[in-house]
Amino acid sequence: MQKTTEAFQISMEAAEVYEARFVPAFFAEWAPHLVDFAGITRGQAVLDVACGTGIVARTVADRLGATGRVVGLDLNDAMLVVARRVRPDVEWRQGDVAALPFAERSFDAVLCQMALMFFPDRVGALREMRRVAADGGTVAILVPAQLETQPAYGPFVDMAARHAGPDAASLLSAYFACGRLDELTGLVEAAGLRVSATRTRLGRARFPSIEAFVAAEVKGTPLGSRISDAVYERIRSGAGDVLRPFLTASGLEVPLEGHLVAGRR
C-alpha cells in the first residue's frame, strides 16, 4: 500500500509553478491578513501548517525579525525544497498535519492558509493544531468562502461543468469545500477550540489574462489531464464571457471571498 507521504508528493516542476504563479496570484495577498488576524507579535513561536513554498511563514518571519521562532511544515518535499531556497533562514520541517512532529503546547500561534479543505480528517487536523498550541494560544484558519458567493469562480465552474461534465464541477469546487462559515466554525469548535473571532474578506486573484487564469485553474489541476483539447478550448472560449467584467488595464482581477476563523485553546 502506498504511504500517505508518498501519495501526496508533487513534482519539483509543480512546486516551482506554485511559487512563481500561485503565490503572487493568490496567496501573497492573503498572508498578511491572516498574520494580522492571528495577532502575531514579536517574540512568539509560530507554526505555519501546510505551508507550501512558505509565503505565510515568510510573512511571519518578517514580522518577528530576530525574535521568536517560525516553523513552516508541509507534507511535500518539493514544496520545502523551494521554500528553503527562497528563505533559508526559516525553519522548514516535513510532516503530516494528522500527526504533527512537535510536542504539546509548542507554539503561541498555529496558522493554516488555504489548506484545511484538502485534509482528509479536518477535525483531526484541527485537534492536532490545538494540541501543539500553547494554553491561551491561537489557531487561525483561512479558507475560500463557498462557491455560491464567489462572483467570478461560481459562474466559471458552472460554465466549465457544462462543457466537461460533473467531474469538472467536483474537481473545480473542491477548493471551496470548507466555505460555509457556520460549518467552518463548527469544525473549529469540534476540535476543542473556542472560536474567538471570524472575518470575511473579499480579495483579488490576479492574472495577466483570461487565458492565464484558465491555464492555472484547469491545466494546473487534475481536470487538465482528464479532458480533451477540444473541451479545454470550449472552456477557454466560455471563460471570456464569464470573466470579461473582471478585466482591468493591468490584467484580470478575479474577486475571491475568504473566511478567517480564530480559535483559542
Protein backbone atom coordinates (compact mmCIF):
# COMPACT_ATOMS: atom_id res chain seq x y z
CA MET A 1 0.00 0.00 0.00
CA GLN A 2 1.30 3.47 -0.86
CA LYS A 3 2.14 5.57 2.17
CA THR A 4 0.30 8.85 2.67
CA THR A 5 3.56 10.81 2.50
CA GLU A 6 4.22 9.29 -0.93
CA ALA A 7 0.67 9.68 -2.23
CA PHE A 8 0.65 13.43 -1.68
CA GLN A 9 4.04 14.22 -3.17
CA ILE A 10 4.21 16.63 -6.11
CA SER A 11 6.96 17.26 -8.63
CA MET A 12 9.62 19.93 -8.39
CA GLU A 13 8.15 21.48 -11.53
CA ALA A 14 4.75 21.78 -9.84
CA ALA A 15 6.32 23.32 -6.74
CA GLU A 16 8.19 25.88 -8.86
CA VAL A 17 4.95 26.75 -10.71
CA TYR A 18 3.19 27.12 -7.35
CA GLU A 19 5.78 29.64 -6.15
CA ALA A 20 6.04 31.51 -9.46
CA ARG A 21 2.33 31.69 -10.35
CA PHE A 22 0.02 30.88 -7.47
CA VAL A 23 1.86 32.68 -4.67
CA PRO A 24 1.76 36.08 -6.41
CA ALA A 25 -1.68 35.47 -7.92
CA PHE A 26 -3.44 34.30 -4.73
CA PHE A 27 -1.54 33.63 -1.57
CA ALA A 28 0.77 36.63 -1.15
CA GLU A 29 -2.20 38.99 -0.81
CA TRP A 30 -3.85 36.91 1.91
CA ALA A 31 -0.83 36.06 4.07
CA PRO A 32 -0.51 39.49 5.79
CA HIS A 33 -4.24 39.48 6.55
CA LEU A 34 -4.00 36.05 8.21
CA VAL A 35 -0.95 37.13 10.22
CA ASP A 36 -2.71 40.34 11.34
CA PHE A 37 -5.90 38.44 12.15
CA ALA A 38 -3.98 35.99 14.35
CA GLY A 39 -2.40 38.87 16.26
CA ILE A 40 1.16 37.72 15.70
CA THR A 41 3.65 39.75 17.78
CA ARG A 42 7.41 39.78 18.20
CA GLY A 43 8.86 37.06 20.40
CA GLN A 44 6.20 34.46 19.63
CA ALA A 45 6.68 30.91 18.38
CA VAL A 46 4.53 30.41 15.26
CA LEU A 47 3.78 27.32 13.17
CA ASP A 48 2.58 27.54 9.54
CA VAL A 49 0.79 24.26 8.74
CA ALA A 50 0.65 23.05 5.12
CA CYS A 51 2.99 25.91 4.30
CA GLY A 52 3.56 25.10 0.63
CA THR A 53 6.53 27.18 -0.50
CA GLY A 54 6.18 29.24 2.65
CA ILE A 55 4.50 32.58 1.98
CA VAL A 56 2.80 32.71 5.41
CA ALA A 57 5.94 31.59 7.27
CA ARG A 58 7.95 34.19 5.38
CA THR A 59 5.44 36.89 6.27
CA VAL A 60 5.61 35.88 9.94
CA ALA A 61 9.43 35.87 9.84
CA ASP A 62 9.39 39.44 8.53
CA ARG A 63 7.16 40.44 11.46
CA LEU A 64 9.22 38.63 14.11
CA GLY A 65 12.59 39.83 12.90
CA ALA A 66 15.31 38.35 15.09
CA THR A 67 12.82 37.49 17.85
CA GLY A 68 10.68 34.42 18.34
CA ARG A 69 10.55 31.29 16.20
CA VAL A 70 8.77 30.48 12.95
CA VAL A 71 8.38 26.98 11.53
CA GLY A 72 6.86 26.05 8.18
CA LEU A 73 5.59 22.49 7.86
CA ASP A 74 4.46 20.68 4.72
CA LEU A 75 3.99 17.11 3.57
CA ASN A 76 5.66 17.71 0.22
CA ASP A 77 9.44 17.54 -0.17
CA ALA A 78 9.36 19.61 -3.37
CA MET A 79 7.48 22.47 -1.72
CA LEU A 80 10.05 22.53 1.08
CA VAL A 81 12.98 22.49 -1.35
CA VAL A 82 11.61 25.68 -2.92
CA ALA A 83 10.81 27.17 0.50
CA ARG A 84 14.38 26.60 1.71
CA ARG A 85 15.80 28.18 -1.42
CA VAL A 86 13.61 31.26 -1.17
CA ARG A 87 14.01 31.76 2.60
CA PRO A 88 16.90 29.74 4.05
CA ASP A 89 16.72 31.47 7.44
CA VAL A 90 13.30 29.95 8.28
CA GLU A 91 12.95 26.54 9.92
CA TRP A 92 11.29 24.15 7.45
CA ARG A 93 10.01 20.72 8.50
CA GLN A 94 8.38 17.86 6.63
CA GLY A 95 5.37 16.40 8.40
CA ASP A 96 1.74 15.40 8.27
CA VAL A 97 -0.94 17.53 9.90
CA ALA A 98 -2.55 14.29 11.09
CA ALA A 99 0.44 13.77 13.42
CA LEU A 100 2.38 16.99 13.85
CA PRO A 101 6.02 16.30 14.84
CA PHE A 102 6.01 18.72 17.76
CA ALA A 103 5.45 18.48 21.48
CA GLU A 104 2.21 19.63 23.07
CA ARG A 105 1.96 23.39 23.67
CA SER A 106 4.99 24.20 21.47
CA PHE A 107 3.62 27.31 19.69
CA ASP A 108 1.92 30.55 20.63
CA ALA A 109 0.06 30.54 17.31
CA VAL A 110 -0.69 27.96 14.63
CA LEU A 111 -1.69 29.26 11.18
CA CYS A 112 -3.15 27.43 8.20
CA GLN A 113 -3.85 29.25 4.94
CA MET A 114 -5.95 27.79 2.11
CA ALA A 115 -5.36 24.14 3.03
CA LEU A 116 -7.97 22.86 5.51
CA MET A 117 -10.31 21.76 2.70
CA PHE A 118 -7.68 19.30 1.43
CA PHE A 119 -7.17 17.46 4.74
CA PRO A 120 -8.88 14.02 4.81
CA ASP A 121 -9.79 14.47 8.50
CA ARG A 122 -10.40 18.16 9.09
CA VAL A 123 -11.43 17.93 12.73
CA GLY A 124 -8.48 15.64 13.43
CA ALA A 125 -6.13 18.15 11.80
CA LEU A 126 -7.56 20.98 13.88
CA ARG A 127 -7.19 18.86 17.03
CA GLU A 128 -3.50 18.41 16.20
CA MET A 129 -3.14 22.17 15.71
CA ARG A 130 -4.81 22.68 19.09
CA ARG A 131 -2.50 20.12 20.71
CA VAL A 132 0.66 21.99 19.70
CA ALA A 133 -0.79 25.41 20.61
CA ALA A 134 0.07 26.88 24.00
CA ASP A 135 -2.57 27.46 26.65
CA GLY A 136 -4.39 30.57 25.52
CA GLY A 137 -2.71 30.27 22.12
CA THR A 138 -4.38 30.90 18.77
CA VAL A 139 -5.20 28.58 15.90
CA ALA A 140 -6.11 30.72 12.86
CA ILE A 141 -7.53 29.30 9.65
CA LEU A 142 -8.15 30.89 6.26
CA VAL A 143 -10.23 29.22 3.54
CA PRO A 144 -12.12 30.41 0.46
CA ALA A 145 -15.80 31.10 1.02
CA GLN A 146 -18.44 28.84 -0.53
CA LEU A 147 -18.59 28.72 -4.29
CA GLU A 148 -22.11 30.18 -4.42
CA THR A 149 -20.85 33.51 -3.04
CA GLN A 150 -17.92 33.81 -5.42
CA PRO A 151 -18.86 36.36 -8.14
CA ALA A 152 -16.40 35.01 -10.72
CA TYR A 153 -15.42 31.50 -9.63
CA GLY A 154 -19.02 30.37 -9.25
CA PRO A 155 -20.05 31.21 -12.84
CA PHE A 156 -16.71 29.89 -14.14
CA VAL A 157 -17.20 26.48 -12.51
CA ASP A 158 -20.79 26.31 -13.78
CA MET A 159 -19.60 27.07 -17.31
CA ALA A 160 -16.74 24.54 -17.14
CA ALA A 161 -19.11 21.85 -15.88
CA ARG A 162 -21.44 22.43 -18.84
CA HIS A 163 -18.54 21.62 -21.18
CA ALA A 164 -16.66 18.99 -19.17
CA GLY A 165 -19.39 17.34 -17.11
CA PRO A 166 -19.92 16.77 -13.39
CA ASP A 167 -16.34 15.61 -12.89
CA ALA A 168 -15.23 19.15 -13.66
CA ALA A 169 -17.65 20.61 -11.13
CA SER A 170 -16.37 18.24 -8.45
CA LEU A 171 -12.69 18.95 -9.11
CA LEU A 172 -13.00 22.72 -9.51
CA SER A 173 -15.30 23.16 -6.50
CA ALA A 174 -13.07 21.16 -4.11
CA TYR A 175 -11.18 24.33 -3.24
CA PHE A 176 -14.37 25.82 -1.76
CA ALA A 177 -15.41 22.76 0.27
CA CYS A 178 -14.99 24.45 3.68
CA GLY A 179 -16.56 27.72 2.60
CA ARG A 180 -19.69 27.86 4.77
CA LEU A 181 -18.76 29.94 7.78
CA ASP A 182 -21.14 28.20 10.19
CA GLU A 183 -19.76 24.79 9.20
CA LEU A 184 -16.20 26.08 9.47
CA THR A 185 -16.71 27.41 12.99
CA GLY A 186 -18.39 24.10 13.84
CA LEU A 187 -15.24 22.23 12.80
CA VAL A 188 -13.10 24.53 14.95
CA GLU A 189 -15.35 24.01 17.97
CA ALA A 190 -15.49 20.25 17.40
CA ALA A 191 -11.69 20.23 17.71
CA GLY A 192 -11.97 21.65 21.22
CA LEU A 193 -11.14 25.25 20.37
CA ARG A 194 -13.14 28.29 21.45
CA VAL A 195 -13.94 30.48 18.44
CA SER A 196 -12.60 33.92 19.33
CA ALA A 197 -13.02 35.80 16.04
CA THR A 198 -14.28 35.46 12.49
CA ARG A 199 -13.84 37.69 9.48
CA THR A 200 -15.00 37.52 5.87
CA ARG A 201 -12.95 39.43 3.33
CA LEU A 202 -13.13 39.97 -0.42
CA GLY A 203 -9.70 39.76 -2.01
CA ARG A 204 -8.44 39.54 -5.59
CA ALA A 205 -6.73 36.81 -7.58
CA ARG A 206 -4.59 38.46 -10.24
CA PHE A 207 -3.62 37.04 -13.63
CA PRO A 208 -2.09 38.65 -16.71
CA SER A 209 -5.01 37.46 -18.88
CA ILE A 210 -8.13 35.30 -19.04
CA GLU A 211 -6.08 32.65 -20.83
CA ALA A 212 -3.61 32.58 -17.93
CA PHE A 213 -6.47 32.14 -15.46
CA VAL A 214 -7.90 29.19 -17.41
CA ALA A 215 -4.48 27.59 -17.75
CA ALA A 216 -3.95 27.84 -13.98
CA GLU A 217 -7.43 26.70 -12.97
CA VAL A 218 -7.77 23.88 -15.50
CA LYS A 219 -4.36 22.78 -16.75
CA GLY A 220 -2.86 23.36 -13.33
CA THR A 221 -5.34 20.94 -11.71
CA PRO A 222 -6.17 17.24 -12.21
CA LEU A 223 -9.00 18.31 -14.53
CA GLY A 224 -6.47 19.27 -17.19
CA SER A 225 -5.39 15.67 -17.74
CA ARG A 226 -8.97 14.37 -17.86
CA ILE A 227 -10.39 16.45 -20.69
CA SER A 228 -9.64 16.64 -24.39
CA ASP A 229 -8.06 19.60 -26.13
CA ALA A 230 -11.43 20.35 -27.71
CA VAL A 231 -13.16 20.54 -24.32
CA TYR A 232 -10.38 22.73 -22.97
CA GLU A 233 -10.83 25.12 -25.89
CA ARG A 234 -14.56 25.34 -25.20
CA ILE A 235 -13.86 26.17 -21.57
CA ARG A 236 -11.28 28.75 -22.60
CA SER A 237 -13.72 30.34 -25.02
CA GLY A 238 -16.55 30.35 -22.48
CA ALA A 239 -14.30 31.92 -19.87
CA GLY A 240 -14.13 35.06 -21.98
CA ASP A 241 -17.84 35.73 -21.45
CA VAL A 242 -17.73 34.86 -17.74
CA LEU A 243 -14.59 36.77 -16.80
CA ARG A 244 -14.63 39.77 -19.15
CA PRO A 245 -16.22 42.02 -16.46
CA PHE A 246 -13.13 41.50 -14.32
CA LEU A 247 -10.56 42.62 -16.89
CA THR A 248 -8.59 45.74 -15.97
CA ALA A 249 -5.91 47.76 -17.69
CA SER A 250 -3.26 45.64 -15.95
CA GLY A 251 -4.85 42.22 -16.48
CA LEU A 252 -7.50 40.06 -14.85
CA GLU A 253 -8.56 40.69 -11.24
CA VAL A 254 -10.89 37.96 -10.04
CA PRO A 255 -12.78 38.54 -6.78
CA LEU A 256 -12.12 35.85 -4.18
CA GLU A 257 -14.03 35.85 -0.91
CA GLY A 258 -12.39 34.16 2.05
CA HIS A 259 -13.24 33.35 5.67
CA LEU A 260 -10.81 33.73 8.56
CA VAL A 261 -11.57 31.94 11.82
CA ALA A 262 -9.51 32.08 15.01
CA GLY A 263 -9.86 29.63 17.89
CA ARG A 264 -8.30 29.74 21.34
CA ARG A 265 -7.01 26.77 23.24
